[in-house]
Amino acid sequence: MVFNIYVANKVGSEAIGVFSLIMSFYLFAITVASSGLNIACTCIVSEEFAKGNFSNGFKAVRSCVFFALLLGLGSAFVIFLSGPLVSKVFLKGLVSPVPIYMIAIGLTFISISSVINGYLSSVGKSYKNAISQVTELSVKIIVSILLLQFFPSTDVETVCIFLILADVLSELFSFTLNMIFYFKDKKKYCNKHTFQVQMKKRIFKIAFPIAITSYIRSGLSSLKQFLIPLRLELSGLSYSLAVSSYGLINGMVMPVLMFSNSFIASFSSLLVPEFSRLLAGGNHNRLITVCNMILKTTSVFAICVSFIFFFFSNELSMAIYQNIEAGKWIKFLAPLVFFMYIDNIIDNMLKGINEQVGVMCCNILDLVITISIIFFIVPIYGISGYIFSICISELLNFTISCIQLKRKINYSVNLFKFVLVPIIACIFSYCICTFLNFNFSNLIFNIVIKVICFIGFYLSIIFIHKIYAFFIRKLKKFVIVFRV
């Protein structure tokens, strides 16, 4: 997030908007290059290793890597063919096809790395994924800062080329590190053999429906992103200002709101192999227990974060971007944080119990409705229409995901304890912080102290309520025993 803030303050919202549009096309290409192979690898290797069939697991990895190589090269070729069209039609000539051509370079590295990441997650070596991701991000940040610092430019295309070049180099480093981890880990199982099975069919059975729905979802997602500035332009803005407004929301406000999701993402991705193992072992009671525990914990966390953004939106906007423009949208979208974070957790749970297609279908329905809103509403209401589309999208996705999970896992969440009590705790915490009236001269230090105190009071209230509930339960049991 700090890096995104640096880039946004360095190049401005218009360049961020154009870069975000290019990256939406990039994400579509990555979807085609990976085509659900990482999930197929994770599920199959988890199942085979749980049974002790190690050679079958590695056969699955090899097959997935082969498919990833073919798909990576194929998607890169499509990028080269479609570059001029994307530049002329969707980006209105703000940049040439060169930045688009550059994104094709790293696709093969990304597709193979995704398979290796799936393997490492399935064998409980997620810390190696973390090392790889930290290395990738570090290289990306260092290269980007060096290019932007030593070759300063206000040209949008040059900025996009620098950022994409940094991304490609970071993917190359990540790929190299992942391969080293894989071959080193593989040596532990090299002498363990089992019977061979037809692996390509199993991969195809898992990956094909995911791939098809992923193509549709990612394609619609890219279309949605390109439509936003085009429909904003029809509301009366120039295309440049429309891209700038899009960059403000998508490239500045949303990264701030999703920052705390990194704490959830650190374990949510592990739910896929964990739930796959529990499902393969028929341990349904454990599935329900883990599901309840995670939903409760995430709810308490997400509500706290949501209220931090709501109460301190203007201070955060000033501290981060040195303007208050983003503050009103941070405040307006803050309540959606709860639904975004919970939905992220539920999606990974569903993927772990082989409901990947259901997750994709939910996303596709969400995108169709959102695109319709953007197409018809945004030209009339402008940026407010775009914000409305975000709200509808998140609420719809959350609702459908909850229904899908409830059908498969009979989870139960006490709304009073894990929704109402945290909300009350947030309100009381903010009142206490307001009463203390922090007013330090340094803006960043001031907001940091406020947020820390808010979190401290919030956790204290939650803990006190937990102790109170514990004693009430014990008292009820004592009264029952006494009466008997």
Protein backbone atom coordinates (compact mmCIF):
# COMPACT_ATOMS: atom_id res chain seq x y z
CA MET A 1 0.00 0.00 0.00
CA VAL A 2 2.84 2.37 0.81
CA PHE A 3 4.26 1.71 -2.66
CA ASN A 4 0.88 2.41 -4.29
CA ILE A 5 0.66 5.67 -2.36
CA TYR A 6 4.15 6.65 -3.51
CA VAL A 7 3.30 5.93 -7.16
CA ALA A 8 -0.07 7.72 -6.97
CA ASN A 9 1.51 10.84 -5.45
CA LYS A 10 4.39 10.66 -7.95
CA VAL A 11 2.47 10.25 -11.24
CA GLY A 12 -1.08 11.47 -10.53
CA SER A 13 -4.54 9.95 -10.83
CA GLU A 14 -4.67 10.02 -14.66
CA ALA A 15 -1.54 7.88 -15.06
CA ILE A 16 -2.83 5.57 -12.30
CA GLY A 17 -6.13 5.29 -14.16
CA VAL A 18 -4.47 4.35 -17.47
CA PHE A 19 -2.14 1.90 -15.73
CA SER A 20 -5.12 0.30 -13.94
CA LEU A 21 -6.88 -0.17 -17.27
CA ILE A 22 -3.80 -1.84 -18.77
CA MET A 23 -3.50 -4.04 -15.70
CA SER A 24 -7.13 -5.14 -16.04
CA PHE A 25 -6.22 -6.43 -19.52
CA TYR A 26 -3.09 -7.96 -17.99
CA LEU A 27 -5.18 -9.81 -15.41
CA PHE A 28 -7.33 -11.26 -18.18
CA ALA A 29 -4.20 -12.52 -19.94
CA ILE A 30 -2.97 -14.02 -16.65
CA THR A 31 -6.32 -15.78 -16.23
CA VAL A 32 -5.95 -17.35 -19.67
CA ALA A 33 -2.33 -18.29 -18.94
CA SER A 34 -3.13 -20.01 -15.63
CA SER A 35 -6.62 -21.36 -16.50
CA GLY A 36 -7.32 -22.82 -13.05
CA LEU A 37 -4.19 -24.98 -13.14
CA ASN A 38 -2.98 -23.77 -9.73
CA ILE A 39 -6.24 -24.89 -8.08
CA ALA A 40 -6.12 -28.22 -9.93
CA CYS A 41 -2.53 -28.73 -8.75
CA THR A 42 -3.40 -27.80 -5.16
CA CYS A 43 -6.42 -30.11 -4.96
CA ILE A 44 -4.83 -33.14 -6.66
CA VAL A 45 -1.48 -32.92 -4.84
CA SER A 46 -3.27 -32.46 -1.48
CA GLU A 47 -5.36 -35.57 -2.09
CA GLU A 48 -2.49 -37.71 -3.41
CA PHE A 49 -0.03 -36.74 -0.68
CA ALA A 50 -2.70 -37.38 1.96
CA LYS A 51 -2.95 -40.95 0.58
CA GLY A 52 0.84 -41.32 0.36
CA ASN A 53 0.80 -41.41 -3.47
CA PHE A 54 3.74 -39.05 -3.91
CA SER A 55 4.68 -39.95 -7.48
CA ASN A 56 1.11 -39.26 -8.60
CA GLY A 57 1.33 -35.85 -6.97
CA PHE A 58 4.49 -34.96 -8.86
CA LYS A 59 3.01 -36.30 -12.05
CA ALA A 60 0.16 -33.83 -11.55
CA VAL A 61 2.65 -30.99 -11.07
CA ARG A 62 4.53 -31.90 -14.27
CA SER A 63 1.32 -32.08 -16.28
CA CYS A 64 0.12 -28.75 -14.90
CA VAL A 65 3.47 -27.09 -15.72
CA PHE A 66 3.27 -28.41 -19.29
CA PHE A 67 -0.22 -26.97 -19.76
CA ALA A 68 0.87 -23.72 -18.10
CA LEU A 69 3.76 -23.36 -20.57
CA LEU A 70 1.45 -23.84 -23.57
CA LEU A 71 -1.20 -21.47 -22.23
CA GLY A 72 1.38 -18.84 -21.25
CA LEU A 73 2.83 -18.76 -24.76
CA GLY A 74 -0.64 -18.78 -26.33
CA SER A 75 -1.91 -15.88 -24.25
CA ALA A 76 1.28 -13.90 -24.99
CA PHE A 77 0.63 -14.37 -28.72
CA VAL A 78 -2.95 -13.11 -28.33
CA ILE A 79 -1.65 -10.05 -26.45
CA PHE A 80 0.63 -9.14 -29.36
CA LEU A 81 -2.26 -9.45 -31.81
CA SER A 82 -4.76 -7.41 -29.79
CA GLY A 83 -2.38 -4.66 -28.59
CA PRO A 84 -3.23 -2.08 -31.30
CA LEU A 85 -6.98 -2.64 -30.86
CA VAL A 86 -6.83 -2.12 -27.08
CA SER A 87 -4.69 1.01 -27.47
CA LYS A 88 -6.91 2.62 -30.09
CA VAL A 89 -10.43 1.62 -29.03
CA PHE A 90 -10.35 1.22 -25.25
CA LEU A 91 -7.56 3.62 -24.27
CA LYS A 92 -8.46 6.27 -26.87
CA GLY A 93 -4.81 6.56 -27.97
CA LEU A 94 -3.57 7.81 -24.57
CA VAL A 95 -0.76 5.23 -24.90
CA SER A 96 0.69 3.28 -27.81
CA PRO A 97 0.56 -0.56 -27.97
CA VAL A 98 4.12 -0.78 -26.52
CA PRO A 99 3.08 -1.08 -22.82
CA ILE A 100 0.54 -3.73 -23.85
CA TYR A 101 3.19 -5.70 -25.75
CA MET A 102 5.39 -5.63 -22.65
CA ILE A 103 2.87 -7.42 -20.45
CA ALA A 104 3.15 -10.48 -22.73
CA ILE A 105 6.77 -11.07 -21.69
CA GLY A 106 6.02 -12.29 -18.17
CA LEU A 107 2.93 -14.42 -18.85
CA THR A 108 4.77 -17.75 -19.15
CA PHE A 109 6.69 -17.11 -15.92
CA ILE A 110 3.43 -16.23 -14.13
CA SER A 111 1.52 -19.29 -15.37
CA ILE A 112 4.25 -21.75 -14.30
CA SER A 113 4.79 -19.94 -10.98
CA SER A 114 1.07 -20.24 -10.20
CA VAL A 115 1.33 -24.04 -10.55
CA ILE A 116 4.37 -24.19 -8.25
CA ASN A 117 2.58 -21.95 -5.74
CA GLY A 118 -0.30 -24.42 -5.78
CA TYR A 119 2.10 -27.28 -5.08
CA LEU A 120 3.83 -25.48 -2.20
CA SER A 121 0.47 -24.63 -0.60
CA SER A 122 -0.72 -28.23 -0.91
CA VAL A 123 2.35 -29.65 0.90
CA GLY A 124 2.20 -27.13 3.75
CA LYS A 125 5.15 -25.02 2.54
CA SER A 126 3.24 -21.76 2.26
CA TYR A 127 6.08 -19.89 3.94
CA LYS A 128 8.04 -20.48 0.73
CA ASN A 129 5.22 -18.86 -1.22
CA ALA A 130 5.47 -15.95 1.19
CA ILE A 131 9.23 -15.65 0.61
CA SER A 132 8.65 -15.71 -3.14
CA GLN A 133 5.93 -13.07 -2.95
CA VAL A 134 7.99 -10.79 -0.71
CA THR A 135 10.94 -11.12 -3.10
CA GLU A 136 8.70 -10.37 -6.07
CA LEU A 137 7.18 -7.31 -4.43
CA SER A 138 10.57 -6.05 -3.23
CA VAL A 139 12.05 -6.27 -6.74
CA LYS A 140 8.98 -4.56 -8.19
CA ILE A 141 9.17 -1.70 -5.69
CA ILE A 142 12.93 -1.19 -6.02
CA VAL A 143 12.93 -1.22 -9.83
CA SER A 144 9.87 1.06 -10.02
CA ILE A 145 11.36 3.62 -7.63
CA LEU A 146 14.72 3.60 -9.43
CA LEU A 147 13.07 4.15 -12.82
CA LEU A 148 10.67 6.85 -11.59
CA GLN A 149 13.40 8.58 -9.58
CA PHE A 150 16.28 8.58 -12.08
CA PHE A 151 14.17 8.94 -15.23
CA PRO A 152 11.39 11.29 -14.08
CA SER A 153 8.62 11.79 -16.62
CA THR A 154 5.10 13.20 -16.73
CA ASP A 155 4.30 11.24 -19.88
CA VAL A 156 1.58 8.67 -19.13
CA GLU A 157 2.98 6.08 -21.53
CA THR A 158 6.50 6.31 -20.12
CA VAL A 159 5.17 5.88 -16.57
CA CYS A 160 3.17 2.80 -17.64
CA ILE A 161 6.23 1.29 -19.37
CA PHE A 162 8.34 1.78 -16.23
CA LEU A 163 5.73 0.17 -13.96
CA ILE A 164 5.11 -2.77 -16.31
CA LEU A 165 8.86 -3.35 -16.78
CA ALA A 166 9.28 -3.50 -13.00
CA ASP A 167 6.41 -5.98 -12.80
CA VAL A 168 7.90 -8.25 -15.48
CA LEU A 169 11.33 -8.30 -13.83
CA SER A 170 9.77 -9.10 -10.46
CA GLU A 171 7.85 -12.01 -11.99
CA LEU A 172 11.11 -13.39 -13.41
CA PHE A 173 12.74 -13.29 -9.95
CA SER A 174 9.69 -14.94 -8.38
CA PHE A 175 9.66 -17.68 -11.03
CA THR A 176 13.35 -18.48 -10.45
CA LEU A 177 12.88 -18.67 -6.68
CA ASN A 178 9.78 -20.86 -6.99
CA MET A 179 11.59 -23.36 -9.22
CA ILE A 180 14.48 -23.57 -6.74
CA PHE A 181 12.01 -24.25 -3.91
CA TYR A 182 10.17 -26.89 -5.94
CA PHE A 183 13.21 -28.94 -6.98
CA LYS A 184 14.67 -28.74 -3.50
CA ASP A 185 11.43 -29.97 -1.94
CA LYS A 186 10.98 -32.68 -4.57
CA LYS A 187 14.19 -34.45 -3.49
CA LYS A 188 12.52 -35.48 -0.22
CA TYR A 189 10.08 -37.70 -2.09
CA CYS A 190 12.25 -38.93 -4.97
CA ASN A 191 12.52 -42.51 -3.62
CA LYS A 192 8.85 -42.94 -2.81
CA HIS A 193 6.91 -44.63 -5.62
CA THR A 194 3.30 -45.62 -6.01
CA PHE A 195 1.09 -46.89 -8.79
CA GLN A 196 0.57 -44.55 -11.74
CA VAL A 197 -2.79 -43.13 -12.74
CA GLN A 198 -4.11 -41.08 -15.65
CA MET A 199 -3.46 -37.55 -14.41
CA LYS A 200 -4.34 -35.37 -17.38
CA LYS A 201 -8.02 -36.32 -17.16
CA ARG A 202 -8.15 -35.37 -13.48
CA ILE A 203 -6.48 -32.05 -14.17
CA PHE A 204 -8.81 -31.41 -17.09
CA LYS A 205 -11.86 -32.29 -14.96
CA ILE A 206 -10.93 -29.70 -12.33
CA ALA A 207 -9.25 -27.04 -14.47
CA PHE A 208 -11.52 -26.98 -17.55
CA PRO A 209 -14.73 -25.73 -15.87
CA ILE A 210 -12.65 -23.30 -13.80
CA ALA A 211 -10.86 -22.11 -16.95
CA ILE A 212 -14.04 -21.54 -18.95
CA THR A 213 -15.79 -19.66 -16.17
CA SER A 214 -12.54 -17.80 -15.42
CA TYR A 215 -12.29 -16.64 -19.02
CA ILE A 216 -15.84 -15.35 -18.93
CA ARG A 217 -15.41 -13.74 -15.52
CA SER A 218 -12.04 -12.16 -16.30
CA GLY A 219 -13.17 -11.04 -19.75
CA LEU A 220 -16.27 -9.40 -18.30
CA SER A 221 -14.13 -7.85 -15.55
CA SER A 222 -11.76 -6.32 -18.10
CA LEU A 223 -14.72 -5.10 -20.16
CA LYS A 224 -16.19 -3.53 -17.04
CA GLN A 225 -12.96 -1.67 -16.25
CA PHE A 226 -12.66 -0.33 -19.81
CA LEU A 227 -16.34 0.67 -19.85
CA ILE A 228 -16.10 2.81 -16.71
CA PRO A 229 -14.12 5.76 -18.19
CA LEU A 230 -16.01 5.42 -21.51
CA ARG A 231 -19.40 5.73 -19.79
CA LEU A 232 -18.10 8.43 -17.43
CA GLU A 233 -17.16 10.39 -20.54
CA LEU A 234 -20.81 10.29 -21.64
CA SER A 235 -21.82 11.90 -18.32
CA GLY A 236 -20.12 15.11 -19.46
CA LEU A 237 -16.47 14.59 -18.49
CA SER A 238 -13.54 14.63 -20.89
CA TYR A 239 -11.95 11.22 -21.39
CA SER A 240 -8.82 12.38 -19.57
CA LEU A 241 -10.87 13.54 -16.56
CA ALA A 242 -12.93 10.34 -16.70
CA VAL A 243 -9.75 8.25 -16.52
CA SER A 244 -8.53 10.45 -13.67
CA SER A 245 -11.78 9.89 -11.72
CA TYR A 246 -11.53 6.16 -12.38
CA GLY A 247 -7.93 6.23 -11.16
CA LEU A 248 -8.99 8.04 -7.98
CA ILE A 249 -11.49 5.32 -7.02
CA ASN A 250 -9.87 2.21 -8.45
CA GLY A 251 -6.20 3.12 -8.00
CA MET A 252 -6.26 5.20 -4.80
CA VAL A 253 -9.38 4.57 -2.69
CA MET A 254 -9.81 0.81 -3.22
CA PRO A 255 -6.16 -0.10 -2.41
CA VAL A 256 -6.53 1.70 0.94
CA LEU A 257 -9.77 -0.12 1.74
CA MET A 258 -8.29 -3.49 0.75
CA PHE A 259 -4.99 -2.97 2.59
CA SER A 260 -6.07 -4.74 5.77
CA ASN A 261 -7.28 -7.66 3.69
CA SER A 262 -3.61 -8.70 3.56
CA PHE A 263 -4.02 -9.98 7.15
CA ILE A 264 -6.90 -12.18 6.00
CA ALA A 265 -5.20 -13.21 2.75
CA SER A 266 -2.31 -14.57 4.80
CA PHE A 267 -4.49 -17.49 5.88
CA SER A 268 -7.47 -17.44 3.49
CA SER A 269 -5.42 -18.95 0.65
CA LEU A 270 -4.49 -21.82 3.00
CA LEU A 271 -8.16 -22.72 3.32
CA VAL A 272 -8.16 -24.28 -0.17
CA PRO A 273 -5.75 -27.17 0.60
CA GLU A 274 -7.00 -27.46 4.20
CA PHE A 275 -10.64 -27.85 3.18
CA SER A 276 -9.60 -30.20 0.35
CA ARG A 277 -7.89 -32.48 2.89
CA LEU A 278 -10.86 -32.38 5.29
CA LEU A 279 -13.27 -33.11 2.45
CA ALA A 280 -11.12 -36.00 1.15
CA GLY A 281 -10.98 -37.46 4.66
CA GLY A 282 -14.74 -37.12 5.14
CA ASN A 283 -14.21 -34.98 8.25
CA HIS A 284 -17.40 -32.91 7.92
CA ASN A 285 -17.66 -31.98 11.60
CA ARG A 286 -14.19 -30.47 11.46
CA LEU A 287 -15.22 -28.54 8.33
CA ILE A 288 -18.10 -26.95 10.21
CA THR A 289 -15.93 -26.14 13.25
CA VAL A 290 -13.17 -24.48 11.19
CA CYS A 291 -15.73 -22.61 9.08
CA ASN A 292 -17.53 -21.19 12.14
CA MET A 293 -14.29 -20.19 13.83
CA ILE A 294 -12.92 -18.37 10.77
CA LEU A 295 -16.16 -16.55 9.98
CA LYS A 296 -16.46 -15.34 13.58
CA THR A 297 -12.86 -14.12 13.75
CA THR A 298 -13.02 -12.44 10.35
CA SER A 299 -16.27 -10.71 11.27
CA VAL A 300 -14.78 -9.18 14.43
CA PHE A 301 -11.70 -8.06 12.47
CA ALA A 302 -13.55 -6.70 9.42
CA ILE A 303 -16.02 -4.63 11.46
CA CYS A 304 -13.15 -2.95 13.32
CA VAL A 305 -11.36 -2.09 10.05
CA SER A 306 -14.59 -0.88 8.45
CA PHE A 307 -15.25 1.59 11.27
CA ILE A 308 -11.65 2.83 11.25
CA PHE A 309 -12.06 3.83 7.61
CA PHE A 310 -15.48 5.34 8.32
CA PHE A 311 -14.51 7.43 11.37
CA PHE A 312 -11.03 8.52 10.24
CA SER A 313 -11.55 8.78 6.45
CA ASN A 314 -10.59 12.46 6.07
CA GLU A 315 -7.52 12.18 8.30
CA LEU A 316 -6.37 9.07 6.41
CA SER A 317 -6.88 10.80 3.05
CA MET A 318 -4.83 13.81 4.14
CA ALA A 319 -2.08 11.66 5.67
CA ILE A 320 -1.84 9.33 2.67
CA TYR A 321 -2.51 11.51 -0.38
CA GLN A 322 -2.12 15.04 1.03
CA ASN A 323 -5.65 15.91 -0.12
CA ILE A 324 -9.17 15.32 1.12
CA GLU A 325 -10.63 14.33 -2.25
CA ALA A 326 -10.32 10.58 -1.61
CA GLY A 327 -11.66 10.95 1.95
CA LYS A 328 -15.36 11.21 1.09
CA TRP A 329 -15.20 8.06 -1.04
CA ILE A 330 -13.26 6.16 1.65
CA LYS A 331 -16.01 7.05 4.14
CA PHE A 332 -18.80 6.16 1.71
CA LEU A 333 -17.32 2.77 0.77
CA ALA A 334 -16.08 1.88 4.29
CA PRO A 335 -19.19 -0.17 5.24
CA LEU A 336 -18.50 -2.44 2.26
CA VAL A 337 -15.19 -3.54 3.81
CA PHE A 338 -17.03 -6.04 6.02
CA PHE A 339 -18.71 -7.68 3.01
CA MET A 340 -15.51 -7.65 0.91
CA TYR A 341 -13.39 -9.37 3.56
CA ILE A 342 -15.98 -12.01 4.47
CA ASP A 343 -16.63 -12.74 0.78
CA ASN A 344 -12.91 -13.29 0.22
CA ILE A 345 -12.86 -15.91 2.99
CA ILE A 346 -16.00 -17.67 1.76
CA ASP A 347 -14.69 -17.88 -1.82
CA ASN A 348 -11.59 -19.76 -0.65
CA MET A 349 -13.68 -22.10 1.48
CA LEU A 350 -15.87 -22.90 -1.52
CA LYS A 351 -12.82 -23.55 -3.71
CA GLY A 352 -11.52 -25.96 -1.08
CA ILE A 353 -14.70 -28.07 -1.23
CA ASN A 354 -14.64 -28.23 -5.05
CA GLU A 355 -17.18 -25.46 -5.59
CA GLN A 356 -14.87 -23.44 -7.84
CA VAL A 357 -17.40 -23.35 -10.67
CA GLY A 358 -20.08 -22.05 -8.32
CA VAL A 359 -17.76 -19.24 -7.21
CA MET A 360 -17.05 -18.33 -10.82
CA CYS A 361 -20.73 -18.41 -11.79
CA CYS A 362 -21.48 -16.09 -8.86
CA ASN A 363 -18.78 -13.71 -10.08
CA ILE A 364 -20.10 -13.85 -13.64
CA LEU A 365 -23.65 -13.00 -12.52
CA ASP A 366 -22.25 -10.16 -10.43
CA LEU A 367 -20.27 -8.81 -13.39
CA VAL A 368 -23.24 -8.97 -15.79
CA ILE A 369 -25.39 -6.96 -13.38
CA THR A 370 -22.56 -4.51 -12.62
CA ILE A 371 -21.80 -3.95 -16.31
CA SER A 372 -25.49 -3.27 -16.92
CA ILE A 373 -25.47 -0.64 -14.16
CA ILE A 374 -22.30 0.94 -15.54
CA PHE A 375 -23.70 0.97 -19.08
CA PHE A 376 -27.09 2.49 -18.25
CA ILE A 377 -26.66 4.38 -14.94
CA VAL A 378 -23.13 5.87 -15.07
CA PRO A 379 -23.80 8.13 -18.12
CA ILE A 380 -26.69 9.69 -16.15
CA TYR A 381 -25.22 9.95 -12.64
CA GLY A 382 -21.48 10.00 -13.39
CA ILE A 383 -19.08 8.99 -10.62
CA SER A 384 -22.00 8.44 -8.20
CA GLY A 385 -23.34 5.80 -10.59
CA TYR A 386 -19.95 4.07 -10.55
CA ILE A 387 -19.94 4.03 -6.74
CA PHE A 388 -23.47 2.60 -6.81
CA SER A 389 -22.26 -0.22 -9.09
CA ILE A 390 -19.48 -1.07 -6.60
CA CYS A 391 -22.01 -1.26 -3.74
CA ILE A 392 -24.40 -3.50 -5.66
CA SER A 393 -21.52 -5.71 -6.82
CA GLU A 394 -20.12 -6.34 -3.34
CA LEU A 395 -23.49 -6.91 -1.65
CA LEU A 396 -24.69 -9.27 -4.38
CA ASN A 397 -21.45 -11.28 -4.35
CA PHE A 398 -21.51 -11.55 -0.57
CA THR A 399 -25.15 -12.71 -0.46
CA ILE A 400 -24.78 -15.39 -3.12
CA SER A 401 -21.51 -16.67 -1.60
CA CYS A 402 -23.13 -17.02 1.84
CA ILE A 403 -26.02 -18.99 0.36
CA GLN A 404 -23.65 -21.27 -1.57
CA LEU A 405 -21.55 -22.00 1.53
CA LYS A 406 -24.64 -22.61 3.69
CA ARG A 407 -25.83 -25.28 1.24
CA LYS A 408 -22.53 -27.17 1.53
CA ILE A 409 -21.47 -26.48 5.13
CA ASN A 410 -24.06 -25.96 7.85
CA TYR A 411 -22.17 -23.11 9.54
CA SER A 412 -23.71 -20.90 12.20
CA VAL A 413 -22.70 -17.41 13.29
CA ASN A 414 -24.19 -15.64 16.31
CA LEU A 415 -25.12 -12.23 14.83
CA PHE A 416 -25.39 -10.62 18.25
CA LYS A 417 -21.92 -11.68 19.45
CA PHE A 418 -20.02 -11.29 16.22
CA VAL A 419 -21.80 -8.42 14.47
CA LEU A 420 -23.81 -6.29 16.89
CA VAL A 421 -21.32 -6.39 19.80
CA PRO A 422 -18.33 -5.37 17.58
CA ILE A 423 -20.39 -2.49 16.14
CA ILE A 424 -21.26 -1.25 19.64
CA ALA A 425 -17.60 -1.66 20.66
CA CYS A 426 -16.50 0.46 17.68
CA ILE A 427 -18.94 3.26 18.57
CA PHE A 428 -17.82 3.31 22.21
CA SER A 429 -14.14 3.22 21.17
CA TYR A 430 -14.59 6.21 18.87
CA CYS A 431 -16.42 8.15 21.61
CA ILE A 432 -13.51 7.51 23.99
CA CYS A 433 -10.97 8.62 21.34
CA THR A 434 -13.01 11.78 20.69
CA PHE A 435 -13.18 12.52 24.41
CA LEU A 436 -9.39 12.16 24.72
CA ASN A 437 -9.08 14.75 21.90
CA PHE A 438 -5.69 13.88 20.38
CA ASN A 439 -4.26 16.91 18.59
CA PHE A 440 -0.59 16.40 17.74
CA SER A 441 1.09 18.74 15.29
CA ASN A 442 2.27 15.93 13.01
CA LEU A 443 -0.70 14.70 10.95
CA ILE A 444 0.59 11.17 10.35
CA PHE A 445 1.57 10.67 14.00
CA ASN A 446 -1.83 12.00 15.06
CA ILE A 447 -3.83 9.55 12.95
CA VAL A 448 -1.57 6.62 13.91
CA ILE A 449 -2.10 7.31 17.62
CA LYS A 450 -5.86 7.63 17.10
CA VAL A 451 -6.10 4.35 15.21
CA ILE A 452 -3.92 2.49 17.74
CA CYS A 453 -6.02 3.78 20.64
CA PHE A 454 -9.24 2.94 18.79
CA ILE A 455 -8.05 -0.65 18.21
CA GLY A 456 -6.89 -0.94 21.83
CA PHE A 457 -10.24 0.19 23.25
CA TYR A 458 -12.11 -1.99 20.74
CA LEU A 459 -10.20 -5.14 21.70
CA SER A 460 -10.61 -4.33 25.39
CA ILE A 461 -14.39 -4.04 25.06
CA ILE A 462 -14.56 -7.28 23.06
CA PHE A 463 -12.43 -9.03 25.70
CA ILE A 464 -14.56 -7.69 28.58
CA HIS A 465 -17.71 -8.86 26.83
CA LYS A 466 -16.16 -12.29 26.30
CA ILE A 467 -15.32 -12.61 30.01
CA TYR A 468 -18.80 -11.38 30.95
CA ALA A 469 -20.41 -13.96 28.62
CA PHE A 470 -18.20 -16.69 30.09
CA PHE A 471 -19.26 -15.91 33.67
CA ILE A 472 -22.93 -15.71 32.66
CA ARG A 473 -22.71 -19.19 31.12
CA LYS A 474 -21.03 -20.56 34.26
CA LEU A 475 -23.63 -18.87 36.46
CA LYS A 476 -26.49 -20.40 34.47
CA LYS A 477 -24.93 -23.86 34.79
CA PHE A 478 -24.48 -23.34 38.53
CA VAL A 479 -28.12 -22.30 38.96
CA ILE A 480 -29.30 -25.35 37.00
CA VAL A 481 -27.17 -27.69 39.12
CA PHE A 482 -28.27 -25.95 42.33
CA ARG A 483 -31.94 -26.37 41.44
CA VAL A 484 -31.44 -30.06 40.66
